[in-house]
Amino acid sequence: MSKTQMIISIGLLVALFGGDVWAQSPQAPAFNLDITGPEGTQSYTVGIRIMFLLTALTLAPAFIMMMTSFTRVVIVLALVRQAMGTLHSPPNQVIVGLALFLTLFIMTPVWEQIQVRALDPYLQDQISQERALEEAIGPIRTFMLKQVREKDLELFVNLARVEIPEGPEQTPLRILIPAFVTSELRTAFQIGFLIFIPFLVIDMIVASILMSMGMMLLPPIMISLPFKLILFVLADGWFLVVGSLMQSFN
């Protein structure tokens, strides 16, 4: 048999029996995770679970910043640094770290309510997952309602074109959260304005003295910075700023 005839014979064999050969080959392995609960068994692939987990981890910082006292605290601390004129002191890591710890301190009563009303009963199988989520949202909603302005709530209710809720507790989160953030920004800038005033007075006095002495090329910030620092230290500025921030949430 020549080489050409042999190639043709092999091709015919593959065409006739190749389908059976491939049909008998095992399929690609797949890994599924079955979760058994009171309502039966549900199958979730690992990829979908990982996708939901990564989505939750991505949105967690936004929820922490937008639904807690973090926004007001970090803005006020940043404005204090800018008012003093120290560009990188304290550094951003210190500002954000202090804001996180102050937020944890302020939100501790809320976390305790969530643990008592939602987390512990859910871990003890006393309530369902949906009920635990509703109970967890309650303390956070109460905290945001204490800080939000009615004007901001009305604005987002009108923008959403929904019926006016019967009470503040009936306000949807998609309306309450942006209204809360808007109110926090307004309050933070109000506090920052009051902090800026004494430092601005020192800058104006130093600039007037330098102008009267004819020192046009000397930056006033170089002369006023030590005076602002000593004034801030003598007045125990960080104590006053942190104390005012804590009391503003009462």
C-alpha atoms as a PDB file:
ATOM      1  CA  MET A   1       0.000   0.000   0.000  1.00  0.00           C
ATOM      2  CA  SER A   2       1.405   3.330  -0.988  1.00  0.00           C
ATOM      3  CA  LYS A   3       1.746   6.303   1.367  1.00  0.00           C
ATOM      4  CA  THR A   4      -1.138   8.138  -0.314  1.00  0.00           C
ATOM      5  CA  GLN A   5      -3.493   5.200   0.097  1.00  0.00           C
ATOM      6  CA  MET A   6      -2.510   4.842   3.763  1.00  0.00           C
ATOM      7  CA  ILE A   7      -3.305   8.523   4.486  1.00  0.00           C
ATOM      8  CA  ILE A   8      -6.690   8.176   2.753  1.00  0.00           C
ATOM      9  CA  SER A   9      -7.481   5.027   4.777  1.00  0.00           C
ATOM     10  CA  ILE A  10      -6.620   6.713   8.080  1.00  0.00           C
ATOM     11  CA  GLY A  11      -8.794   9.701   7.143  1.00  0.00           C
ATOM     12  CA  LEU A  12     -11.769   7.424   6.421  1.00  0.00           C
ATOM     13  CA  LEU A  13     -11.344   5.641   9.771  1.00  0.00           C
ATOM     14  CA  VAL A  14     -11.290   8.942  11.625  1.00  0.00           C
ATOM     15  CA  ALA A  15     -14.382  10.114   9.743  1.00  0.00           C
ATOM     16  CA  LEU A  16     -16.297   6.907  10.485  1.00  0.00           C
ATOM     17  CA  PHE A  17     -15.319   6.253  14.107  1.00  0.00           C
ATOM     18  CA  GLY A  18     -14.059   9.639  15.313  1.00  0.00           C
ATOM     19  CA  GLY A  19     -17.483  10.661  16.599  1.00  0.00           C
ATOM     20  CA  ASP A  20     -17.681   7.592  18.837  1.00  0.00           C
ATOM     21  CA  VAL A  21     -14.158   8.155  20.088  1.00  0.00           C
ATOM     22  CA  TRP A  22     -14.855  11.790  21.055  1.00  0.00           C
ATOM     23  CA  ALA A  23     -18.239  10.900  22.531  1.00  0.00           C
ATOM     24  CA  GLN A  24     -16.542   8.481  24.928  1.00  0.00           C
ATOM     25  CA  SER A  25     -13.996  11.088  26.115  1.00  0.00           C
ATOM     26  CA  PRO A  26     -14.713  12.552  29.561  1.00  0.00           C
ATOM     27  CA  GLN A  27     -16.019  16.115  29.819  1.00  0.00           C
ATOM     28  CA  ALA A  28     -14.044  18.958  31.318  1.00  0.00           C
ATOM     29  CA  PRO A  29     -14.239  18.847  35.136  1.00  0.00           C
ATOM     30  CA  ALA A  30     -16.535  21.368  36.812  1.00  0.00           C
ATOM     31  CA  PHE A  31     -16.647  22.271  40.499  1.00  0.00           C
ATOM     32  CA  ASN A  32     -19.966  23.259  42.040  1.00  0.00           C
ATOM     33  CA  LEU A  33     -20.803  24.067  45.656  1.00  0.00           C
ATOM     34  CA  ASP A  34     -24.138  22.892  47.057  1.00  0.00           C
ATOM     35  CA  ILE A  35     -25.561  24.716  50.091  1.00  0.00           C
ATOM     36  CA  THR A  36     -28.294  22.908  51.994  1.00  0.00           C
ATOM     37  CA  GLY A  37     -30.753  25.028  53.958  1.00  0.00           C
ATOM     38  CA  PRO A  38     -34.274  24.811  55.335  1.00  0.00           C
ATOM     39  CA  GLU A  39     -35.736  25.542  51.903  1.00  0.00           C
ATOM     40  CA  GLY A  40     -33.764  22.882  50.029  1.00  0.00           C
ATOM     41  CA  THR A  41     -30.477  22.656  48.191  1.00  0.00           C
ATOM     42  CA  GLN A  42     -29.151  25.422  45.969  1.00  0.00           C
ATOM     43  CA  SER A  43     -26.094  25.190  43.745  1.00  0.00           C
ATOM     44  CA  TYR A  44     -23.669  28.094  43.444  1.00  0.00           C
ATOM     45  CA  THR A  45     -20.497  28.068  41.428  1.00  0.00           C
ATOM     46  CA  VAL A  46     -17.338  29.291  43.087  1.00  0.00           C
ATOM     47  CA  GLY A  47     -16.906  32.048  40.508  1.00  0.00           C
ATOM     48  CA  ILE A  48     -20.267  33.644  41.334  1.00  0.00           C
ATOM     49  CA  ARG A  49     -19.534  33.567  45.066  1.00  0.00           C
ATOM     50  CA  ILE A  50     -16.121  35.155  44.525  1.00  0.00           C
ATOM     51  CA  MET A  51     -17.717  37.838  42.330  1.00  0.00           C
ATOM     52  CA  PHE A  52     -20.222  38.757  45.067  1.00  0.00           C
ATOM     53  CA  LEU A  53     -17.470  38.770  47.696  1.00  0.00           C
ATOM     54  CA  LEU A  54     -15.233  41.075  45.653  1.00  0.00           C
ATOM     55  CA  THR A  55     -18.187  43.372  44.944  1.00  0.00           C
ATOM     56  CA  ALA A  56     -18.956  43.623  48.666  1.00  0.00           C
ATOM     57  CA  LEU A  57     -15.319  44.330  49.510  1.00  0.00           C
ATOM     58  CA  THR A  58     -15.193  47.020  46.817  1.00  0.00           C
ATOM     59  CA  LEU A  59     -18.306  48.794  48.103  1.00  0.00           C
ATOM     60  CA  ALA A  60     -17.434  48.452  51.805  1.00  0.00           C
ATOM     61  CA  PRO A  61     -15.179  51.578  51.954  1.00  0.00           C
ATOM     62  CA  ALA A  62     -17.868  53.649  50.242  1.00  0.00           C
ATOM     63  CA  PHE A  63     -20.486  52.508  52.777  1.00  0.00           C
ATOM     64  CA  ILE A  64     -18.114  53.230  55.666  1.00  0.00           C
ATOM     65  CA  MET A  65     -17.414  56.738  54.415  1.00  0.00           C
ATOM     66  CA  MET A  66     -20.909  57.652  53.250  1.00  0.00           C
ATOM     67  CA  MET A  67     -23.048  56.209  56.063  1.00  0.00           C
ATOM     68  CA  THR A  68     -20.930  57.107  59.099  1.00  0.00           C
ATOM     69  CA  SER A  69     -19.274  60.159  60.641  1.00  0.00           C
ATOM     70  CA  PHE A  70     -16.089  59.637  58.615  1.00  0.00           C
ATOM     71  CA  THR A  71     -16.900  62.284  55.999  1.00  0.00           C
ATOM     72  CA  ARG A  72     -17.281  65.146  58.466  1.00  0.00           C
ATOM     73  CA  VAL A  73     -14.286  64.135  60.578  1.00  0.00           C
ATOM     74  CA  VAL A  74     -11.773  63.726  57.767  1.00  0.00           C
ATOM     75  CA  ILE A  75     -12.795  66.984  56.061  1.00  0.00           C
ATOM     76  CA  VAL A  76     -12.485  69.001  59.286  1.00  0.00           C
ATOM     77  CA  LEU A  77      -9.068  67.515  60.080  1.00  0.00           C
ATOM     78  CA  ALA A  78      -7.864  68.258  56.545  1.00  0.00           C
ATOM     79  CA  LEU A  79      -9.111  71.862  56.805  1.00  0.00           C
ATOM     80  CA  VAL A  80      -7.290  72.292  60.121  1.00  0.00           C
ATOM     81  CA  ARG A  81      -4.033  71.294  58.473  1.00  0.00           C
ATOM     82  CA  GLN A  82      -4.672  73.621  55.551  1.00  0.00           C
ATOM     83  CA  ALA A  83      -5.564  76.523  57.849  1.00  0.00           C
ATOM     84  CA  MET A  84      -2.307  76.168  59.752  1.00  0.00           C
ATOM     85  CA  GLY A  85      -0.370  76.186  56.484  1.00  0.00           C
ATOM     86  CA  THR A  86       1.552  72.971  57.143  1.00  0.00           C
ATOM     87  CA  LEU A  87       1.435  71.242  53.769  1.00  0.00           C
ATOM     88  CA  HIS A  88       2.276  67.678  54.807  1.00  0.00           C
ATOM     89  CA  SER A  89       2.177  67.740  58.582  1.00  0.00           C
ATOM     90  CA  PRO A  90       0.387  65.796  59.885  1.00  0.00           C
ATOM     91  CA  PRO A  91       0.627  63.469  56.847  1.00  0.00           C
ATOM     92  CA  ASN A  92      -2.364  61.987  55.084  1.00  0.00           C
ATOM     93  CA  GLN A  93      -1.900  58.624  56.782  1.00  0.00           C
ATOM     94  CA  VAL A  94      -2.226  60.251  60.213  1.00  0.00           C
ATOM     95  CA  ILE A  95      -5.266  62.289  59.166  1.00  0.00           C
ATOM     96  CA  VAL A  96      -7.094  59.270  57.725  1.00  0.00           C
ATOM     97  CA  GLY A  97      -6.052  57.015  60.628  1.00  0.00           C
ATOM     98  CA  LEU A  98      -7.276  59.502  63.238  1.00  0.00           C
ATOM     99  CA  ALA A  99     -10.514  59.959  61.287  1.00  0.00           C
ATOM    100  CA  LEU A 100     -11.058  56.184  61.229  1.00  0.00           C
ATOM    101  CA  PHE A 101     -10.513  55.797  64.970  1.00  0.00           C
ATOM    102  CA  LEU A 102     -12.760  58.770  65.759  1.00  0.00           C
ATOM    103  CA  THR A 103     -15.398  57.286  63.460  1.00  0.00           C
ATOM    104  CA  LEU A 104     -15.109  53.971  65.283  1.00  0.00           C
ATOM    105  CA  PHE A 105     -15.512  55.770  68.617  1.00  0.00           C
ATOM    106  CA  ILE A 106     -18.533  57.770  67.446  1.00  0.00           C
ATOM    107  CA  MET A 107     -20.245  54.805  65.791  1.00  0.00           C
ATOM    108  CA  THR A 108     -19.662  52.343  68.656  1.00  0.00           C
ATOM    109  CA  PRO A 109     -23.217  52.739  70.085  1.00  0.00           C
ATOM    110  CA  VAL A 110     -24.602  52.059  66.611  1.00  0.00           C
ATOM    111  CA  TRP A 111     -22.437  48.947  66.175  1.00  0.00           C
ATOM    112  CA  GLU A 112     -23.567  47.674  69.594  1.00  0.00           C
ATOM    113  CA  GLN A 113     -27.215  48.058  68.613  1.00  0.00           C
ATOM    114  CA  ILE A 114     -26.567  46.207  65.356  1.00  0.00           C
ATOM    115  CA  GLN A 115     -24.869  43.385  67.249  1.00  0.00           C
ATOM    116  CA  VAL A 116     -27.694  43.039  69.776  1.00  0.00           C
ATOM    117  CA  ARG A 117     -30.589  43.423  67.343  1.00  0.00           C
ATOM    118  CA  ALA A 118     -29.250  41.736  64.204  1.00  0.00           C
ATOM    119  CA  LEU A 119     -25.920  39.914  64.431  1.00  0.00           C
ATOM    120  CA  ASP A 120     -26.342  37.852  67.599  1.00  0.00           C
ATOM    121  CA  PRO A 121     -29.916  36.673  66.803  1.00  0.00           C
ATOM    122  CA  TYR A 122     -28.869  35.762  63.272  1.00  0.00           C
ATOM    123  CA  LEU A 123     -25.847  33.752  64.451  1.00  0.00           C
ATOM    124  CA  GLN A 124     -28.120  31.945  66.908  1.00  0.00           C
ATOM    125  CA  ASP A 125     -30.597  31.128  64.080  1.00  0.00           C
ATOM    126  CA  GLN A 126     -33.344  33.135  65.747  1.00  0.00           C
ATOM    127  CA  ILE A 127     -34.076  35.377  62.747  1.00  0.00           C
ATOM    128  CA  SER A 128     -33.687  35.033  58.987  1.00  0.00           C
ATOM    129  CA  GLN A 129     -31.091  36.742  56.856  1.00  0.00           C
ATOM    130  CA  GLU A 130     -33.594  39.247  55.470  1.00  0.00           C
ATOM    131  CA  ARG A 131     -34.815  40.109  58.966  1.00  0.00           C
ATOM    132  CA  ALA A 132     -31.236  40.516  60.203  1.00  0.00           C
ATOM    133  CA  LEU A 133     -30.514  42.943  57.367  1.00  0.00           C
ATOM    134  CA  GLU A 134     -33.574  45.026  58.224  1.00  0.00           C
ATOM    135  CA  GLU A 135     -32.623  45.116  61.904  1.00  0.00           C
ATOM    136  CA  ALA A 136     -29.031  46.117  61.023  1.00  0.00           C
ATOM    137  CA  ILE A 137     -30.170  49.008  58.844  1.00  0.00           C
ATOM    138  CA  GLY A 138     -32.381  50.421  61.610  1.00  0.00           C
ATOM    139  CA  PRO A 139     -29.653  51.880  63.898  1.00  0.00           C
ATOM    140  CA  ILE A 140     -27.732  53.280  60.925  1.00  0.00           C
ATOM    141  CA  ARG A 141     -30.898  54.884  59.589  1.00  0.00           C
ATOM    142  CA  THR A 142     -31.585  56.444  63.008  1.00  0.00           C
ATOM    143  CA  PHE A 143     -28.044  57.853  63.161  1.00  0.00           C
ATOM    144  CA  MET A 144     -28.282  59.396  59.696  1.00  0.00           C
ATOM    145  CA  LEU A 145     -31.730  60.866  60.378  1.00  0.00           C
ATOM    146  CA  LYS A 146     -30.363  62.672  63.468  1.00  0.00           C
ATOM    147  CA  GLN A 147     -27.715  64.419  61.339  1.00  0.00           C
ATOM    148  CA  VAL A 148     -29.542  65.059  58.062  1.00  0.00           C
ATOM    149  CA  ARG A 149     -31.407  68.273  57.283  1.00  0.00           C
ATOM    150  CA  GLU A 150     -35.036  68.229  56.231  1.00  0.00           C
ATOM    151  CA  LYS A 151     -34.145  70.540  53.346  1.00  0.00           C
ATOM    152  CA  ASP A 152     -31.739  67.970  51.912  1.00  0.00           C
ATOM    153  CA  LEU A 153     -34.272  65.181  52.327  1.00  0.00           C
ATOM    154  CA  GLU A 154     -36.915  67.199  50.489  1.00  0.00           C
ATOM    155  CA  LEU A 155     -34.461  67.901  47.680  1.00  0.00           C
ATOM    156  CA  PHE A 156     -33.736  64.241  46.971  1.00  0.00           C
ATOM    157  CA  VAL A 157     -37.360  63.220  47.443  1.00  0.00           C
ATOM    158  CA  ASN A 158     -38.319  65.711  44.741  1.00  0.00           C
ATOM    159  CA  LEU A 159     -35.467  64.611  42.490  1.00  0.00           C
ATOM    160  CA  ALA A 160     -36.443  60.947  42.869  1.00  0.00           C
ATOM    161  CA  ARG A 161     -40.082  61.814  42.062  1.00  0.00           C
ATOM    162  CA  VAL A 162     -41.478  59.522  44.729  1.00  0.00           C
ATOM    163  CA  GLU A 163     -44.303  60.012  47.158  1.00  0.00           C
ATOM    164  CA  ILE A 164     -43.465  61.874  50.346  1.00  0.00           C
ATOM    165  CA  PRO A 165     -42.828  59.270  53.071  1.00  0.00           C
ATOM    166  CA  GLU A 166     -45.282  59.169  55.956  1.00  0.00           C
ATOM    167  CA  GLY A 167     -42.401  59.587  58.404  1.00  0.00           C
ATOM    168  CA  PRO A 168     -38.631  59.933  58.403  1.00  0.00           C
ATOM    169  CA  GLU A 169     -38.276  56.224  59.208  1.00  0.00           C
ATOM    170  CA  GLN A 170     -39.981  55.372  55.921  1.00  0.00           C
ATOM    171  CA  THR A 171     -37.400  57.232  53.829  1.00  0.00           C
ATOM    172  CA  PRO A 172     -35.660  54.891  51.337  1.00  0.00           C
ATOM    173  CA  LEU A 173     -31.910  54.512  51.695  1.00  0.00           C
ATOM    174  CA  ARG A 174     -31.311  55.656  48.115  1.00  0.00           C
ATOM    175  CA  ILE A 175     -32.720  59.041  49.204  1.00  0.00           C
ATOM    176  CA  LEU A 176     -31.428  59.130  52.765  1.00  0.00           C
ATOM    177  CA  ILE A 177     -27.765  58.391  52.003  1.00  0.00           C
ATOM    178  CA  PRO A 178     -27.132  61.231  49.486  1.00  0.00           C
ATOM    179  CA  ALA A 179     -29.096  63.637  51.685  1.00  0.00           C
ATOM    180  CA  PHE A 180     -26.972  62.608  54.677  1.00  0.00           C
ATOM    181  CA  VAL A 181     -23.725  63.084  52.745  1.00  0.00           C
ATOM    182  CA  THR A 182     -24.840  66.529  51.557  1.00  0.00           C
ATOM    183  CA  SER A 183     -25.658  67.564  55.114  1.00  0.00           C
ATOM    184  CA  GLU A 184     -22.311  66.244  56.369  1.00  0.00           C
ATOM    185  CA  LEU A 185     -20.413  68.250  53.746  1.00  0.00           C
ATOM    186  CA  ARG A 186     -22.252  71.425  54.723  1.00  0.00           C
ATOM    187  CA  THR A 187     -21.599  70.894  58.432  1.00  0.00           C
ATOM    188  CA  ALA A 188     -17.926  70.065  57.843  1.00  0.00           C
ATOM    189  CA  PHE A 189     -17.323  73.245  55.858  1.00  0.00           C
ATOM    190  CA  GLN A 190     -19.121  75.314  58.492  1.00  0.00           C
ATOM    191  CA  ILE A 191     -16.768  73.973  61.154  1.00  0.00           C
ATOM    192  CA  GLY A 192     -13.802  74.495  58.840  1.00  0.00           C
ATOM    193  CA  PHE A 193     -14.779  78.129  58.282  1.00  0.00           C
ATOM    194  CA  LEU A 194     -14.802  78.808  62.016  1.00  0.00           C
ATOM    195  CA  ILE A 195     -11.377  77.165  62.329  1.00  0.00           C
ATOM    196  CA  PHE A 196      -9.950  79.275  59.486  1.00  0.00           C
ATOM    197  CA  ILE A 197     -10.862  82.646  61.050  1.00  0.00           C
ATOM    198  CA  PRO A 198      -8.130  82.941  63.750  1.00  0.00           C
ATOM    199  CA  PHE A 199      -5.422  81.711  61.379  1.00  0.00           C
ATOM    200  CA  LEU A 200      -6.599  84.137  58.704  1.00  0.00           C
ATOM    201  CA  VAL A 201      -6.360  87.014  61.177  1.00  0.00           C
ATOM    202  CA  ILE A 202      -2.742  86.102  61.944  1.00  0.00           C
ATOM    203  CA  ASP A 203      -1.902  85.964  58.222  1.00  0.00           C
ATOM    204  CA  MET A 204      -3.472  89.396  57.640  1.00  0.00           C
ATOM    205  CA  ILE A 205      -1.594  90.958  60.565  1.00  0.00           C
ATOM    206  CA  VAL A 206       1.749  89.532  59.432  1.00  0.00           C
ATOM    207  CA  ALA A 207       1.132  90.563  55.815  1.00  0.00           C
ATOM    208  CA  SER A 208       0.262  94.135  56.891  1.00  0.00           C
ATOM    209  CA  ILE A 209       3.416  94.415  59.000  1.00  0.00           C
ATOM    210  CA  LEU A 210       5.608  93.131  56.181  1.00  0.00           C
ATOM    211  CA  MET A 211       3.987  95.536  53.712  1.00  0.00           C
ATOM    212  CA  SER A 212       4.536  98.484  56.049  1.00  0.00           C
ATOM    213  CA  MET A 213       8.202  97.504  56.439  1.00  0.00           C
ATOM    214  CA  GLY A 214       8.637  97.282  52.664  1.00  0.00           C
ATOM    215  CA  MET A 215       9.392  93.544  52.639  1.00  0.00           C
ATOM    216  CA  MET A 216       7.508  92.799  49.439  1.00  0.00           C
ATOM    217  CA  LEU A 217       9.465  89.689  48.450  1.00  0.00           C
ATOM    218  CA  LEU A 218       9.269  87.907  51.806  1.00  0.00           C
ATOM    219  CA  PRO A 219       6.374  85.388  51.827  1.00  0.00           C
ATOM    220  CA  PRO A 220       4.080  86.136  54.788  1.00  0.00           C
ATOM    221  CA  ILE A 221       3.519  82.406  55.324  1.00  0.00           C
ATOM    222  CA  MET A 222       7.136  81.970  56.418  1.00  0.00           C
ATOM    223  CA  ILE A 223       6.669  84.474  59.230  1.00  0.00           C
ATOM    224  CA  SER A 224       3.102  83.624  60.230  1.00  0.00           C
ATOM    225  CA  LEU A 225       3.564  79.850  60.361  1.00  0.00           C
ATOM    226  CA  PRO A 226       5.495  79.789  63.679  1.00  0.00           C
ATOM    227  CA  PHE A 227       2.955  82.133  65.246  1.00  0.00           C
ATOM    228  CA  LYS A 228       0.047  79.968  64.091  1.00  0.00           C
ATOM    229  CA  LEU A 229       1.713  76.847  65.413  1.00  0.00           C
ATOM    230  CA  ILE A 230       2.420  78.353  68.830  1.00  0.00           C
ATOM    231  CA  LEU A 231      -1.116  79.737  69.012  1.00  0.00           C
ATOM    232  CA  PHE A 232      -2.545  76.320  68.138  1.00  0.00           C
ATOM    233  CA  VAL A 233      -0.373  74.604  70.736  1.00  0.00           C
ATOM    234  CA  LEU A 234      -1.072  77.109  73.514  1.00  0.00           C
ATOM    235  CA  ALA A 235      -4.818  76.934  72.859  1.00  0.00           C
ATOM    236  CA  ASP A 236      -4.640  73.109  72.889  1.00  0.00           C
ATOM    237  CA  GLY A 237      -6.058  73.098  69.385  1.00  0.00           C
ATOM    238  CA  TRP A 238      -6.287  69.364  68.771  1.00  0.00           C
ATOM    239  CA  PHE A 239      -8.192  68.917  72.032  1.00  0.00           C
ATOM    240  CA  LEU A 240     -10.672  71.609  71.012  1.00  0.00           C
ATOM    241  CA  VAL A 241     -11.079  70.324  67.447  1.00  0.00           C
ATOM    242  CA  VAL A 242     -11.559  66.693  68.413  1.00  0.00           C
ATOM    243  CA  GLY A 243     -13.875  67.599  71.296  1.00  0.00           C
ATOM    244  CA  SER A 244     -15.997  69.822  69.071  1.00  0.00           C
ATOM    245  CA  LEU A 245     -16.248  67.101  66.451  1.00  0.00           C
ATOM    246  CA  MET A 246     -17.369  64.549  69.018  1.00  0.00           C
ATOM    247  CA  GLN A 247     -19.963  66.902  70.484  1.00  0.00           C
ATOM    248  CA  SER A 248     -21.328  67.834  67.058  1.00  0.00           C
ATOM    249  CA  PHE A 249     -22.777  64.303  66.708  1.00  0.00           C
ATOM    250  CA  ASN A 250     -24.708  64.410  69.987  1.00  0.00           C
END
